[in-house]
Each structure stands twice: as structure tokens, then as C-alpha cells.
Amino acid sequence: MKALVLGCQHLPGVTLITVAGQLDTITSGQLDGFIRQVRRRPEEHVVLDLTELSFMDSSGLRVMLTTHSYSAQHGGSLRLAALRPGPARLLHIASLESHLSIYASVQDALADAFATE
């Protein structure tokens, strides 16, 4: 099993979090805790760079939905960027594509976040 590797970059009004590896029942708590730790303000926009996320199960979806809900309640947002086919398929199967903001690239997600800042 490939470990979850997380990184963070703070930009004006946006926290960019890179997520690499496998997001599953074992590692989803790690991502949830990391998001809570690195987010500077509740109203801040969060962009998840999923370029290197090779696998995601329903527990990973839960973290994304929880983050989305918390962000929306506080005037922020969650944007998912550069999904690979496996995780993208899970979002499609769960019919979450219309509930979560999904972007083809990190640049597109950041541009949209900066435009709403």
C-alpha cells in the first residue's frame, strides 16, 4: 500500500493542499487532521491538488464532503483539482460531481478561487 503524502502552500486567501498516494479508511483521518491543522481561517478557500492521488474510497469522499460543508458554512470553499480517472469515477458513481467544485487543473482551481477572493 502506498502511504498518503500531504503538502501545503499558503497563498493569499487560499490554502493549496497536495494529496498523493491512497486515500482510504486508514489514511482519511490523516487528511482530515491535516486540513484542520493547515487552514489559517475558516473562511479561507481550500484547493486540493489531487494530481498524484491514485486511489480514493468512500472515507476519502467523507473528508471532502465534510471539508466542503465546513467551508461553505464559513464563507469559504473547497475545490478539487486534477482528479485521476479512479477517484473521478468514484465521484461520478456517488453523484457528487454537481455538489463539489471540480477542475481539470490546479491552475484553473486557483484562478477561480482568486477570482472569488
Protein backbone atom coordinates (compact mmCIF):
# COMPACT_ATOMS: atom_id res chain seq x y z
CA MET A 1 0.00 0.00 0.00
CA LYS A 2 1.27 3.46 -0.92
CA ALA A 3 1.30 5.90 2.01
CA LEU A 4 -0.55 9.19 1.91
CA VAL A 5 1.78 12.14 1.34
CA LEU A 6 0.47 15.62 2.08
CA GLY A 7 1.88 19.06 1.39
CA CYS A 8 0.67 22.61 1.88
CA GLN A 9 1.25 26.01 0.34
CA HIS A 10 -0.39 29.17 1.66
CA LEU A 11 -1.44 31.71 -0.94
CA PRO A 12 -3.46 34.91 -0.39
CA GLY A 13 -6.88 33.68 0.80
CA VAL A 14 -6.21 30.12 -0.37
CA THR A 15 -4.64 27.04 1.13
CA LEU A 16 -3.34 24.68 -1.56
CA ILE A 17 -3.00 21.12 -0.29
CA THR A 18 -1.31 18.41 -2.33
CA VAL A 19 -2.58 14.88 -1.77
CA ALA A 20 -0.56 11.95 -3.11
CA GLY A 21 -0.93 8.20 -2.65
CA GLN A 22 -4.03 6.37 -1.47
CA LEU A 23 -6.91 7.94 0.43
CA ASP A 24 -8.79 5.20 2.24
CA THR A 25 -10.12 4.14 5.63
CA ILE A 26 -6.61 4.02 7.06
CA THR A 27 -5.42 7.40 5.75
CA SER A 28 -8.58 9.55 5.58
CA GLY A 29 -8.18 10.70 9.19
CA GLN A 30 -4.69 11.88 8.32
CA LEU A 31 -6.05 14.12 5.55
CA ASP A 32 -8.88 15.41 7.72
CA GLY A 33 -6.48 16.34 10.52
CA PHE A 34 -4.03 17.93 8.08
CA ILE A 35 -6.72 20.15 6.54
CA ARG A 36 -7.83 21.31 10.00
CA GLN A 37 -4.24 21.98 11.03
CA VAL A 38 -3.06 23.95 7.99
CA ARG A 39 -6.18 26.00 7.24
CA ARG A 40 -5.47 29.50 8.56
CA ARG A 41 -9.06 30.76 8.75
CA PRO A 42 -12.47 29.04 8.47
CA GLU A 43 -13.49 31.30 5.57
CA GLU A 44 -10.38 30.51 3.56
CA HIS A 45 -10.67 28.71 0.23
CA VAL A 46 -9.11 25.25 0.09
CA VAL A 47 -7.81 23.72 -3.15
CA LEU A 48 -6.92 20.03 -3.11
CA ASP A 49 -4.33 19.14 -5.75
CA LEU A 50 -5.19 15.51 -6.48
CA THR A 51 -2.75 15.05 -9.35
CA GLU A 52 -0.94 12.24 -7.52
CA LEU A 53 -3.93 10.68 -5.73
CA SER A 54 -4.02 7.15 -7.13
CA PHE A 55 -6.92 5.72 -5.11
CA MET A 56 -9.82 7.01 -3.03
CA ASP A 57 -12.62 5.18 -1.24
CA SER A 58 -15.79 6.41 0.46
CA SER A 59 -13.93 7.52 3.58
CA GLY A 60 -11.97 9.94 1.40
CA LEU A 61 -15.26 11.24 -0.01
CA ARG A 62 -16.46 11.82 3.55
CA VAL A 63 -13.45 14.03 4.29
CA MET A 64 -14.08 16.04 1.13
CA LEU A 65 -17.78 16.46 1.89
CA THR A 66 -17.07 17.46 5.49
CA THR A 67 -14.47 19.99 4.33
CA HIS A 68 -16.85 21.31 1.67
CA SER A 69 -19.66 21.72 4.22
CA TYR A 70 -17.45 23.41 6.83
CA SER A 71 -16.01 25.77 4.21
CA ALA A 72 -19.42 26.72 2.85
CA GLN A 73 -20.79 27.40 6.34
CA HIS A 74 -17.96 29.87 6.95
CA GLY A 75 -17.94 31.63 3.57
CA GLY A 76 -15.07 29.65 2.06
CA SER A 77 -14.97 26.87 -0.49
CA LEU A 78 -13.37 23.57 -1.41
CA ARG A 79 -12.08 22.97 -4.92
CA LEU A 80 -10.82 19.63 -6.21
CA ALA A 81 -8.18 19.82 -8.93
CA ALA A 82 -6.63 17.39 -11.40
CA LEU A 83 -8.50 14.22 -10.47
CA ARG A 84 -7.17 10.98 -11.92
CA PRO A 85 -9.61 8.53 -13.52
CA GLY A 86 -10.12 6.27 -10.45
CA PRO A 87 -11.05 8.99 -7.93
CA ALA A 88 -13.04 10.84 -10.63
CA ARG A 89 -15.05 7.68 -11.28
CA LEU A 90 -15.89 7.36 -7.58
CA LEU A 91 -17.20 10.94 -7.54
CA HIS A 92 -19.28 10.14 -10.61
CA ILE A 93 -20.70 6.91 -9.14
CA ALA A 94 -21.61 8.77 -5.92
CA SER A 95 -23.24 11.54 -8.00
CA LEU A 96 -21.13 14.18 -6.26
CA GLU A 97 -19.86 15.97 -9.36
CA SER A 98 -22.65 18.54 -9.10
CA HIS A 99 -22.06 19.11 -5.37
CA LEU A 100 -18.30 19.58 -5.38
CA SER A 101 -16.28 22.06 -7.43
CA ILE A 102 -14.03 20.01 -9.73
CA TYR A 103 -11.38 21.50 -12.03
CA ALA A 104 -9.24 19.95 -14.75
CA SER A 105 -6.08 21.60 -13.40
CA VAL A 106 -4.68 23.18 -10.27
CA GLN A 107 -4.23 26.43 -12.20
CA ASP A 108 -7.96 26.52 -13.08
CA ALA A 109 -8.97 25.87 -9.46
CA LEU A 110 -6.61 28.54 -8.13
CA ALA A 111 -7.75 31.08 -10.73
CA ASP A 112 -11.37 30.55 -9.72
CA ALA A 113 -10.51 30.76 -6.01
CA PHE A 114 -8.61 34.02 -6.52
CA ALA A 115 -11.50 35.42 -8.60
CA THR A 116 -13.90 34.91 -5.65
CA GLU A 117 -11.47 36.28 -3.06
